[in-house]
């Protein structure tokens, strides 16, 4: 279960980031479902990239005993939320360009 926790955090943060981007950028919104799908995918992608690049810092002794690394959790949240927002904005922009071309 420990290996699934970062992925779950990234997906949830991506969902939130994607829907926040859709709300903030009304002209690029994909609707709730589209924002959620793009956000979840973007959250996983950027979250995994950041996790690979950042690696793990020195874990806090108390957190290591509890099986939690606060630095990794924050990286997953930030990466997931940013990835979700970025991918939602990109897909929304592309959707608008394709729709405008017709």
N, C-alpha and C. Protein backbone atom coordinates (compact mmCIF):
# COMPACT_ATOMS: atom_id res chain seq x y z
N UNK A 1 0.82 -1.20 0.00
CA UNK A 1 0.00 0.00 0.00
C UNK A 1 0.86 1.25 0.00
N UNK A 2 2.05 1.13 0.57
CA UNK A 2 2.93 2.29 0.67
C UNK A 2 3.31 2.82 -0.72
N UNK A 3 3.45 1.96 -1.69
CA UNK A 3 3.83 2.40 -3.03
C UNK A 3 2.66 3.04 -3.76
N UNK A 4 1.44 2.75 -3.36
CA UNK A 4 0.27 3.37 -3.99
C UNK A 4 -0.05 4.75 -3.44
N UNK A 5 0.39 5.03 -2.22
CA UNK A 5 0.05 6.31 -1.60
C UNK A 5 0.51 7.52 -2.41
N UNK A 6 1.74 7.57 -2.92
CA UNK A 6 2.13 8.73 -3.74
C UNK A 6 1.27 8.87 -4.99
N UNK A 7 0.93 7.77 -5.61
CA UNK A 7 0.11 7.80 -6.81
C UNK A 7 -1.29 8.33 -6.50
N UNK A 8 -1.86 7.89 -5.39
CA UNK A 8 -3.19 8.37 -4.98
C UNK A 8 -3.14 9.86 -4.69
N UNK A 9 -2.10 10.31 -3.99
CA UNK A 9 -1.96 11.73 -3.69
C UNK A 9 -1.83 12.54 -4.97
N UNK A 10 -1.05 12.05 -5.93
CA UNK A 10 -0.86 12.75 -7.20
C UNK A 10 -2.16 12.85 -7.98
N UNK A 11 -2.94 11.78 -8.01
CA UNK A 11 -4.21 11.79 -8.74
C UNK A 11 -5.17 12.77 -8.11
N UNK A 12 -5.31 12.73 -6.79
CA UNK A 12 -6.24 13.62 -6.10
C UNK A 12 -5.79 15.08 -6.27
N UNK A 13 -4.51 15.34 -6.12
CA UNK A 13 -4.01 16.70 -6.31
C UNK A 13 -4.21 17.15 -7.76
N UNK A 14 -4.02 16.23 -8.70
CA UNK A 14 -4.25 16.54 -10.11
C UNK A 14 -5.70 16.86 -10.40
N UNK A 15 -6.61 16.10 -9.80
CA UNK A 15 -8.04 16.38 -9.95
C UNK A 15 -8.37 17.79 -9.46
N UNK A 16 -7.84 18.12 -8.31
CA UNK A 16 -8.07 19.45 -7.74
C UNK A 16 -7.44 20.52 -8.62
N UNK A 17 -6.20 20.30 -9.04
CA UNK A 17 -5.51 21.27 -9.90
C UNK A 17 -6.20 21.45 -11.23
N UNK A 18 -6.66 20.36 -11.83
CA UNK A 18 -7.35 20.44 -13.11
C UNK A 18 -8.66 21.20 -13.01
N UNK A 19 -9.42 20.94 -11.96
CA UNK A 19 -10.69 21.64 -11.79
C UNK A 19 -10.49 23.09 -11.39
N UNK A 20 -9.43 23.37 -10.64
CA UNK A 20 -9.11 24.76 -10.30
C UNK A 20 -8.72 25.54 -11.55
N UNK A 21 -7.92 24.91 -12.43
CA UNK A 21 -7.54 25.57 -13.68
C UNK A 21 -8.76 25.79 -14.56
N UNK A 22 -9.65 24.81 -14.62
CA UNK A 22 -10.87 24.96 -15.40
C UNK A 22 -11.75 26.07 -14.89
N UNK A 23 -11.80 26.24 -13.57
CA UNK A 23 -12.59 27.33 -12.98
C UNK A 23 -11.95 28.69 -13.22
N UNK A 24 -10.63 28.73 -13.13
CA UNK A 24 -9.92 30.00 -13.29
C UNK A 24 -9.86 30.43 -14.75
N UNK A 25 -9.74 29.47 -15.65
CA UNK A 25 -9.62 29.76 -17.08
C UNK A 25 -10.89 29.27 -17.78
N UNK A 26 -11.97 29.99 -17.60
CA UNK A 26 -13.27 29.56 -18.11
C UNK A 26 -13.24 29.23 -19.60
N UNK A 27 -12.49 30.02 -20.38
CA UNK A 27 -12.44 29.79 -21.82
C UNK A 27 -11.69 28.51 -22.18
N UNK A 28 -10.93 27.96 -21.25
CA UNK A 28 -10.18 26.72 -21.51
C UNK A 28 -10.74 25.55 -20.74
N UNK A 29 -11.86 25.74 -20.06
CA UNK A 29 -12.45 24.67 -19.27
C UNK A 29 -12.94 23.54 -20.18
N UNK A 30 -12.78 22.33 -19.72
CA UNK A 30 -13.22 21.15 -20.45
C UNK A 30 -14.48 20.56 -19.84
N UNK A 31 -15.08 21.28 -18.90
CA UNK A 31 -16.19 20.74 -18.13
C UNK A 31 -15.63 19.96 -16.95
N UNK A 32 -16.46 19.68 -15.99
CA UNK A 32 -15.98 19.01 -14.78
C UNK A 32 -15.32 17.67 -15.07
N UNK A 33 -15.96 16.86 -15.91
CA UNK A 33 -15.39 15.55 -16.21
C UNK A 33 -14.08 15.67 -16.97
N UNK A 34 -14.04 16.52 -17.99
CA UNK A 34 -12.82 16.71 -18.77
C UNK A 34 -11.69 17.28 -17.93
N UNK A 35 -12.02 18.27 -17.09
CA UNK A 35 -11.00 18.85 -16.21
C UNK A 35 -10.46 17.79 -15.25
N UNK A 36 -11.35 16.93 -14.77
CA UNK A 36 -10.93 15.89 -13.83
C UNK A 36 -10.03 14.86 -14.50
N UNK A 37 -10.40 14.44 -15.71
CA UNK A 37 -9.60 13.45 -16.41
C UNK A 37 -8.22 14.02 -16.76
N UNK A 38 -8.21 15.20 -17.37
CA UNK A 38 -6.93 15.82 -17.73
C UNK A 38 -6.10 16.11 -16.48
N UNK A 39 -6.76 16.58 -15.43
CA UNK A 39 -6.06 16.87 -14.19
C UNK A 39 -5.45 15.64 -13.55
N UNK A 40 -6.21 14.55 -13.52
CA UNK A 40 -5.70 13.31 -12.94
C UNK A 40 -4.50 12.78 -13.71
N UNK A 41 -4.59 12.80 -15.03
CA UNK A 41 -3.47 12.33 -15.86
C UNK A 41 -2.26 13.24 -15.69
N UNK A 42 -2.49 14.55 -15.74
CA UNK A 42 -1.39 15.50 -15.56
C UNK A 42 -0.76 15.38 -14.18
N UNK A 43 -1.59 15.12 -13.18
CA UNK A 43 -1.08 14.95 -11.82
C UNK A 43 -0.14 13.76 -11.71
N UNK A 44 -0.54 12.67 -12.34
CA UNK A 44 0.31 11.47 -12.30
C UNK A 44 1.62 11.72 -13.05
N UNK A 45 1.51 12.30 -14.25
CA UNK A 45 2.71 12.49 -15.09
C UNK A 45 3.72 13.41 -14.41
N UNK A 46 3.31 14.63 -14.05
CA UNK A 46 4.27 15.55 -13.44
C UNK A 46 4.67 15.09 -12.05
N UNK A 47 3.75 14.48 -11.32
CA UNK A 47 4.10 13.95 -10.00
C UNK A 47 5.18 12.90 -10.09
N UNK A 48 5.08 12.01 -11.07
CA UNK A 48 6.10 10.97 -11.24
C UNK A 48 7.43 11.56 -11.71
N UNK A 49 7.35 12.55 -12.59
CA UNK A 49 8.59 13.19 -13.06
C UNK A 49 9.30 13.86 -11.89
N UNK A 50 8.56 14.62 -11.09
CA UNK A 50 9.18 15.29 -9.94
C UNK A 50 9.73 14.28 -8.95
N UNK A 51 9.00 13.21 -8.74
CA UNK A 51 9.46 12.18 -7.81
C UNK A 51 10.78 11.58 -8.29
N UNK A 52 10.90 11.36 -9.60
CA UNK A 52 12.13 10.80 -10.16
C UNK A 52 13.29 11.80 -10.09
N UNK A 53 12.99 13.06 -10.39
CA UNK A 53 14.04 14.09 -10.40
C UNK A 53 14.47 14.46 -8.99
N UNK A 54 13.50 14.67 -8.12
CA UNK A 54 13.79 15.12 -6.77
C UNK A 54 14.29 13.97 -5.91
N UNK A 55 13.87 12.75 -6.22
CA UNK A 55 14.26 11.61 -5.41
C UNK A 55 13.75 11.78 -4.01
N UNK A 56 14.40 11.24 -3.09
CA UNK A 56 14.01 11.38 -1.70
C UNK A 56 15.07 12.14 -0.95
N UNK A 57 14.63 13.10 -0.19
CA UNK A 57 15.56 13.80 0.67
C UNK A 57 15.85 12.94 1.89
N UNK A 58 16.63 13.47 2.81
CA UNK A 58 16.89 12.74 4.04
C UNK A 58 15.61 12.71 4.85
N UNK A 59 15.08 11.53 5.13
CA UNK A 59 13.81 11.45 5.84
C UNK A 59 13.98 11.86 7.30
N UNK A 60 12.95 12.49 7.81
CA UNK A 60 12.87 12.84 9.22
C UNK A 60 12.78 11.54 10.02
N UNK A 61 13.53 11.43 11.11
CA UNK A 61 13.57 10.18 11.88
C UNK A 61 12.19 9.78 12.37
N UNK A 62 11.42 10.73 12.88
CA UNK A 62 10.07 10.42 13.36
C UNK A 62 9.16 10.01 12.22
N UNK A 63 9.25 10.69 11.10
CA UNK A 63 8.43 10.36 9.95
C UNK A 63 8.81 9.00 9.38
N UNK A 64 10.11 8.69 9.39
CA UNK A 64 10.56 7.40 8.87
C UNK A 64 10.00 6.26 9.72
N UNK A 65 9.93 6.48 11.00
CA UNK A 65 9.38 5.45 11.88
C UNK A 65 7.90 5.25 11.61
N UNK A 66 7.19 6.32 11.28
CA UNK A 66 5.76 6.22 11.00
C UNK A 66 5.50 5.80 9.57
N UNK A 67 6.53 5.72 8.74
CA UNK A 67 6.37 5.34 7.35
C UNK A 67 5.96 6.50 6.46
N UNK A 68 6.09 7.73 6.97
CA UNK A 68 5.71 8.92 6.21
C UNK A 68 6.92 9.80 6.00
N UNK A 69 7.02 10.37 4.82
CA UNK A 69 8.06 11.35 4.52
C UNK A 69 7.35 12.61 4.05
N UNK A 70 7.30 13.60 4.91
CA UNK A 70 6.55 14.82 4.63
C UNK A 70 7.05 15.50 3.36
N UNK A 71 8.35 15.49 3.13
CA UNK A 71 8.91 16.11 1.92
C UNK A 71 8.38 15.45 0.66
N UNK A 72 8.30 14.13 0.65
CA UNK A 72 7.78 13.41 -0.51
C UNK A 72 6.29 13.68 -0.70
N UNK A 73 5.55 13.75 0.40
CA UNK A 73 4.12 14.02 0.31
C UNK A 73 3.88 15.41 -0.27
N UNK A 74 4.64 16.39 0.19
CA UNK A 74 4.50 17.76 -0.34
C UNK A 74 4.87 17.79 -1.82
N UNK A 75 5.92 17.08 -2.20
CA UNK A 75 6.32 17.01 -3.62
C UNK A 75 5.20 16.38 -4.45
N UNK A 76 4.57 15.33 -3.93
CA UNK A 76 3.47 14.69 -4.65
C UNK A 76 2.28 15.63 -4.80
N UNK A 77 1.97 16.38 -3.75
CA UNK A 77 0.84 17.32 -3.79
C UNK A 77 1.11 18.44 -4.78
N UNK A 78 2.28 19.06 -4.67
CA UNK A 78 2.63 20.18 -5.55
C UNK A 78 2.74 19.71 -7.01
N UNK A 79 3.45 18.61 -7.22
CA UNK A 79 3.60 18.08 -8.58
C UNK A 79 2.28 17.66 -9.18
N UNK A 80 1.46 16.99 -8.40
CA UNK A 80 0.16 16.55 -8.89
C UNK A 80 -0.75 17.71 -9.21
N UNK A 81 -0.82 18.69 -8.31
CA UNK A 81 -1.69 19.85 -8.55
C UNK A 81 -1.23 20.68 -9.73
N UNK A 82 0.06 20.92 -9.81
CA UNK A 82 0.60 21.70 -10.93
C UNK A 82 0.44 20.95 -12.24
N UNK A 83 0.73 19.66 -12.23
CA UNK A 83 0.59 18.86 -13.45
C UNK A 83 -0.85 18.83 -13.93
N UNK A 84 -1.78 18.71 -13.00
CA UNK A 84 -3.19 18.71 -13.36
C UNK A 84 -3.63 20.03 -13.96
N UNK A 85 -3.19 21.12 -13.37
CA UNK A 85 -3.55 22.44 -13.88
C UNK A 85 -2.92 22.69 -15.25
N UNK A 86 -1.66 22.33 -15.39
CA UNK A 86 -0.95 22.57 -16.65
C UNK A 86 -1.57 21.76 -17.79
N UNK A 87 -1.79 20.46 -17.58
CA UNK A 87 -2.34 19.65 -18.65
C UNK A 87 -3.76 20.08 -19.00
N UNK A 88 -4.56 20.45 -18.02
CA UNK A 88 -5.91 20.92 -18.29
C UNK A 88 -5.88 22.19 -19.14
N UNK A 89 -4.99 23.12 -18.80
CA UNK A 89 -4.88 24.36 -19.58
C UNK A 89 -4.41 24.07 -21.01
N UNK A 90 -3.46 23.16 -21.17
CA UNK A 90 -2.95 22.84 -22.50
C UNK A 90 -4.04 22.17 -23.35
N UNK A 91 -4.73 21.18 -22.78
CA UNK A 91 -5.77 20.48 -23.52
C UNK A 91 -6.92 21.45 -23.84
N UNK A 92 -7.26 22.32 -22.89
CA UNK A 92 -8.30 23.31 -23.14
C UNK A 92 -7.93 24.27 -24.26
N UNK A 93 -6.68 24.68 -24.29
CA UNK A 93 -6.21 25.57 -25.34
C UNK A 93 -6.27 24.88 -26.70
N UNK A 94 -5.81 23.63 -26.75
CA UNK A 94 -5.84 22.87 -28.00
C UNK A 94 -7.28 22.64 -28.47
N UNK A 95 -8.16 22.34 -27.53
CA UNK A 95 -9.58 22.13 -27.87
C UNK A 95 -10.17 23.40 -28.47
N UNK A 96 -9.86 24.54 -27.87
CA UNK A 96 -10.38 25.81 -28.39
C UNK A 96 -9.82 26.12 -29.77
N UNK A 97 -8.56 25.81 -30.01
CA UNK A 97 -7.97 26.07 -31.34
C UNK A 97 -8.61 25.18 -32.40
N UNK A 98 -8.87 23.92 -32.07
CA UNK A 98 -9.50 23.02 -33.01
C UNK A 98 -10.94 23.45 -33.26
N UNK A 99 -11.65 23.83 -32.20
CA UNK A 99 -13.04 24.28 -32.35
C UNK A 99 -13.12 25.57 -33.14
N UNK A 100 -12.16 26.46 -32.94
CA UNK A 100 -12.15 27.74 -33.65
C UNK A 100 -11.80 27.60 -35.12
N UNK A 101 -11.10 26.53 -35.47
CA UNK A 101 -10.69 26.33 -36.85
C UNK A 101 -11.84 25.83 -37.73
N UNK A 102 -12.88 25.34 -37.11
CA UNK A 102 -14.02 24.80 -37.87
C UNK A 102 -14.97 25.87 -38.30
